[in-house]
């Protein structure tokens, strides 16, 4: 009888660790014009809503890429049942998906003008974009 409880406890711990590890997968993104790419690193705090969208909006302002669209390069993996709630509720999964082009290396990333006002405007644009995604 005691072994059964140990097995149940171990299974519960394994499921909990699986949930923590796989419930909010990191996602990669690029710009539709091919001049920008970035990816989340959720465990480091580089999340879609607090870094990725702001950096993309900043790219659009600083590189005169106002017509560029944000594209998700990570597919949903429906076999990962722990991620289903994220797929259904997290706005990052509402960003249109397209196959990733070759990632940009540091030598090919655009060198654009950087302005202090751009960061404030990028944050405002990002807030508007996120609000729009959440209403979909």
C-alpha atoms as a PDB file:
ATOM      1  CA  UNK A   1       0.000   0.000   0.000  1.00  0.00           C
ATOM      2  CA  UNK A   2       2.827   2.442   0.832  1.00  0.00           C
ATOM      3  CA  UNK A   3       4.480   1.913  -2.549  1.00  0.00           C
ATOM      4  CA  UNK A   4       1.284   2.924  -4.342  1.00  0.00           C
ATOM      5  CA  UNK A   5       1.325   6.317  -2.615  1.00  0.00           C
ATOM      6  CA  UNK A   6       4.977   6.817  -3.572  1.00  0.00           C
ATOM      7  CA  UNK A   7       4.180   6.054  -7.196  1.00  0.00           C
ATOM      8  CA  UNK A   8       1.243   8.465  -7.122  1.00  0.00           C
ATOM      9  CA  UNK A   9       3.406  11.152  -5.492  1.00  0.00           C
ATOM     10  CA  UNK A  10       6.190  10.680  -8.047  1.00  0.00           C
ATOM     11  CA  UNK A  11       3.691  10.802 -10.924  1.00  0.00           C
ATOM     12  CA  UNK A  12       2.124  13.977  -9.509  1.00  0.00           C
ATOM     13  CA  UNK A  13       5.528  15.642  -9.137  1.00  0.00           C
ATOM     14  CA  UNK A  14       6.495  14.615 -12.683  1.00  0.00           C
ATOM     15  CA  UNK A  15       3.242  16.067 -14.066  1.00  0.00           C
ATOM     16  CA  UNK A  16       3.746  19.294 -12.122  1.00  0.00           C
ATOM     17  CA  UNK A  17       7.316  19.660 -13.421  1.00  0.00           C
ATOM     18  CA  UNK A  18       6.088  18.907 -16.946  1.00  0.00           C
ATOM     19  CA  UNK A  19       3.447  21.580 -16.574  1.00  0.00           C
ATOM     20  CA  UNK A  20       6.007  24.147 -15.389  1.00  0.00           C
ATOM     21  CA  UNK A  21       8.417  23.245 -18.184  1.00  0.00           C
ATOM     22  CA  UNK A  22       5.996  23.055 -21.093  1.00  0.00           C
ATOM     23  CA  UNK A  23       2.942  25.157 -20.234  1.00  0.00           C
ATOM     24  CA  UNK A  24       4.147  28.420 -21.788  1.00  0.00           C
ATOM     25  CA  UNK A  25       6.515  27.615 -24.675  1.00  0.00           C
ATOM     26  CA  UNK A  26       8.906  30.279 -25.895  1.00  0.00           C
ATOM     27  CA  UNK A  27       8.116  31.628 -29.357  1.00  0.00           C
ATOM     28  CA  UNK A  28      10.244  33.070 -32.161  1.00  0.00           C
ATOM     29  CA  UNK A  29       9.239  36.042 -34.327  1.00  0.00           C
ATOM     30  CA  UNK A  30      10.439  37.914 -37.399  1.00  0.00           C
ATOM     31  CA  UNK A  31       9.345  40.901 -39.445  1.00  0.00           C
ATOM     32  CA  UNK A  32       7.523  40.417 -42.720  1.00  0.00           C
ATOM     33  CA  UNK A  33      10.226  42.432 -44.482  1.00  0.00           C
ATOM     34  CA  UNK A  34      12.956  40.092 -43.200  1.00  0.00           C
ATOM     35  CA  UNK A  35      14.939  42.822 -41.444  1.00  0.00           C
ATOM     36  CA  UNK A  36      14.280  41.848 -37.819  1.00  0.00           C
ATOM     37  CA  UNK A  37      14.010  38.694 -35.755  1.00  0.00           C
ATOM     38  CA  UNK A  38      13.871  37.877 -32.073  1.00  0.00           C
ATOM     39  CA  UNK A  39      12.637  35.196 -29.697  1.00  0.00           C
ATOM     40  CA  UNK A  40      11.187  34.902 -26.243  1.00  0.00           C
ATOM     41  CA  UNK A  41      13.199  33.447 -23.396  1.00  0.00           C
ATOM     42  CA  UNK A  42      10.373  33.132 -20.900  1.00  0.00           C
ATOM     43  CA  UNK A  43      12.468  31.905 -17.960  1.00  0.00           C
ATOM     44  CA  UNK A  44      14.701  34.994 -18.330  1.00  0.00           C
ATOM     45  CA  UNK A  45      11.767  37.412 -18.486  1.00  0.00           C
ATOM     46  CA  UNK A  46      12.109  38.096 -22.252  1.00  0.00           C
ATOM     47  CA  UNK A  47       8.425  37.680 -22.893  1.00  0.00           C
ATOM     48  CA  UNK A  48       6.271  38.580 -25.861  1.00  0.00           C
ATOM     49  CA  UNK A  49       4.328  41.299 -24.048  1.00  0.00           C
ATOM     50  CA  UNK A  50       7.193  43.066 -22.273  1.00  0.00           C
ATOM     51  CA  UNK A  51      10.102  42.823 -24.754  1.00  0.00           C
ATOM     52  CA  UNK A  52       9.329  41.335 -28.158  1.00  0.00           C
ATOM     53  CA  UNK A  53       6.480  43.623 -29.232  1.00  0.00           C
ATOM     54  CA  UNK A  54       8.257  46.741 -27.948  1.00  0.00           C
ATOM     55  CA  UNK A  55      11.475  45.816 -29.770  1.00  0.00           C
ATOM     56  CA  UNK A  56       9.552  45.105 -32.977  1.00  0.00           C
ATOM     57  CA  UNK A  57       7.737  48.443 -32.785  1.00  0.00           C
ATOM     58  CA  UNK A  58      11.055  50.147 -32.130  1.00  0.00           C
ATOM     59  CA  UNK A  59      12.526  48.429 -35.211  1.00  0.00           C
ATOM     60  CA  UNK A  60       9.633  49.718 -37.310  1.00  0.00           C
ATOM     61  CA  UNK A  61      10.226  53.292 -36.129  1.00  0.00           C
ATOM     62  CA  UNK A  62      14.018  53.313 -36.299  1.00  0.00           C
ATOM     63  CA  UNK A  63      14.364  51.489 -39.625  1.00  0.00           C
ATOM     64  CA  UNK A  64      11.483  53.155 -41.452  1.00  0.00           C
ATOM     65  CA  UNK A  65       9.655  49.837 -41.688  1.00  0.00           C
ATOM     66  CA  UNK A  66       6.163  51.054 -40.840  1.00  0.00           C
ATOM     67  CA  UNK A  67       4.501  48.584 -43.226  1.00  0.00           C
ATOM     68  CA  UNK A  68       6.291  45.554 -41.765  1.00  0.00           C
ATOM     69  CA  UNK A  69       4.173  43.014 -39.880  1.00  0.00           C
ATOM     70  CA  UNK A  70       5.074  40.850 -36.899  1.00  0.00           C
ATOM     71  CA  UNK A  71       5.180  37.160 -37.848  1.00  0.00           C
ATOM     72  CA  UNK A  72       5.330  34.185 -35.461  1.00  0.00           C
ATOM     73  CA  UNK A  73       7.845  31.516 -36.499  1.00  0.00           C
ATOM     74  CA  UNK A  74       6.956  28.882 -33.899  1.00  0.00           C
ATOM     75  CA  UNK A  75       4.110  26.458 -34.602  1.00  0.00           C
ATOM     76  CA  UNK A  76       1.745  25.205 -31.953  1.00  0.00           C
ATOM     77  CA  UNK A  77       2.677  21.687 -30.882  1.00  0.00           C
ATOM     78  CA  UNK A  78      -0.744  20.251 -30.073  1.00  0.00           C
ATOM     79  CA  UNK A  79       0.834  17.042 -28.723  1.00  0.00           C
ATOM     80  CA  UNK A  80       2.048  19.166 -25.788  1.00  0.00           C
ATOM     81  CA  UNK A  81      -1.137  19.093 -23.704  1.00  0.00           C
ATOM     82  CA  UNK A  82       0.432  21.319 -21.049  1.00  0.00           C
ATOM     83  CA  UNK A  83       0.599  24.176 -23.583  1.00  0.00           C
ATOM     84  CA  UNK A  84      -3.071  24.005 -24.626  1.00  0.00           C
ATOM     85  CA  UNK A  85      -4.180  26.733 -22.170  1.00  0.00           C
ATOM     86  CA  UNK A  86      -1.426  29.013 -23.505  1.00  0.00           C
ATOM     87  CA  UNK A  87      -2.437  28.301 -27.109  1.00  0.00           C
ATOM     88  CA  UNK A  88      -6.024  29.232 -26.326  1.00  0.00           C
ATOM     89  CA  UNK A  89      -5.468  32.306 -24.142  1.00  0.00           C
ATOM     90  CA  UNK A  90      -2.047  33.874 -24.761  1.00  0.00           C
ATOM     91  CA  UNK A  91      -2.107  36.646 -27.400  1.00  0.00           C
ATOM     92  CA  UNK A  92       1.302  35.643 -28.790  1.00  0.00           C
ATOM     93  CA  UNK A  93      -0.373  32.679 -30.474  1.00  0.00           C
ATOM     94  CA  UNK A  94      -2.736  35.048 -32.334  1.00  0.00           C
ATOM     95  CA  UNK A  95       0.181  36.567 -34.256  1.00  0.00           C
ATOM     96  CA  UNK A  96       0.068  35.132 -37.801  1.00  0.00           C
ATOM     97  CA  UNK A  97       2.400  32.156 -38.365  1.00  0.00           C
ATOM     98  CA  UNK A  98       4.812  31.772 -41.272  1.00  0.00           C
ATOM     99  CA  UNK A  99       7.819  29.574 -41.776  1.00  0.00           C
ATOM    100  CA  UNK A 100      10.993  31.205 -40.536  1.00  0.00           C
ATOM    101  CA  UNK A 101      13.498  32.573 -43.009  1.00  0.00           C
ATOM    102  CA  UNK A 102      17.172  32.087 -42.187  1.00  0.00           C
ATOM    103  CA  UNK A 103      17.872  33.865 -38.881  1.00  0.00           C
ATOM    104  CA  UNK A 104      19.712  37.157 -39.124  1.00  0.00           C
ATOM    105  CA  UNK A 105      23.211  37.192 -37.752  1.00  0.00           C
ATOM    106  CA  UNK A 106      24.629  40.245 -36.017  1.00  0.00           C
ATOM    107  CA  UNK A 107      26.482  41.352 -39.173  1.00  0.00           C
ATOM    108  CA  UNK A 108      23.298  41.514 -41.232  1.00  0.00           C
ATOM    109  CA  UNK A 109      20.982  43.202 -38.730  1.00  0.00           C
ATOM    110  CA  UNK A 110      20.034  46.686 -39.888  1.00  0.00           C
ATOM    111  CA  UNK A 111      21.833  49.596 -38.293  1.00  0.00           C
ATOM    112  CA  UNK A 112      19.138  52.213 -37.897  1.00  0.00           C
ATOM    113  CA  UNK A 113      18.917  55.520 -36.107  1.00  0.00           C
ATOM    114  CA  UNK A 114      18.128  55.203 -32.416  1.00  0.00           C
ATOM    115  CA  UNK A 115      16.252  57.914 -30.615  1.00  0.00           C
ATOM    116  CA  UNK A 116      15.044  58.270 -27.035  1.00  0.00           C
ATOM    117  CA  UNK A 117      11.590  59.308 -28.227  1.00  0.00           C
ATOM    118  CA  UNK A 118      11.406  56.114 -30.295  1.00  0.00           C
ATOM    119  CA  UNK A 119      11.346  53.966 -27.160  1.00  0.00           C
ATOM    120  CA  UNK A 120       8.356  55.845 -25.716  1.00  0.00           C
ATOM    121  CA  UNK A 121       6.497  55.761 -29.015  1.00  0.00           C
ATOM    122  CA  UNK A 122       7.381  52.079 -29.507  1.00  0.00           C
ATOM    123  CA  UNK A 123       5.975  51.282 -26.041  1.00  0.00           C
ATOM    124  CA  UNK A 124       2.769  53.136 -26.895  1.00  0.00           C
ATOM    125  CA  UNK A 125       2.479  51.336 -30.248  1.00  0.00           C
ATOM    126  CA  UNK A 126       3.187  47.991 -28.545  1.00  0.00           C
ATOM    127  CA  UNK A 127       0.451  48.612 -25.968  1.00  0.00           C
ATOM    128  CA  UNK A 128      -1.997  49.363 -28.767  1.00  0.00           C
ATOM    129  CA  UNK A 129      -0.937  46.231 -30.701  1.00  0.00           C
ATOM    130  CA  UNK A 130      -1.290  44.003 -27.628  1.00  0.00           C
ATOM    131  CA  UNK A 131      -4.707  45.444 -26.858  1.00  0.00           C
ATOM    132  CA  UNK A 132      -5.755  44.746 -30.431  1.00  0.00           C
ATOM    133  CA  UNK A 133      -4.501  41.135 -30.226  1.00  0.00           C
ATOM    134  CA  UNK A 134      -6.319  40.504 -26.944  1.00  0.00           C
ATOM    135  CA  UNK A 135      -9.612  41.702 -28.423  1.00  0.00           C
ATOM    136  CA  UNK A 136      -9.445  39.109 -31.232  1.00  0.00           C
END
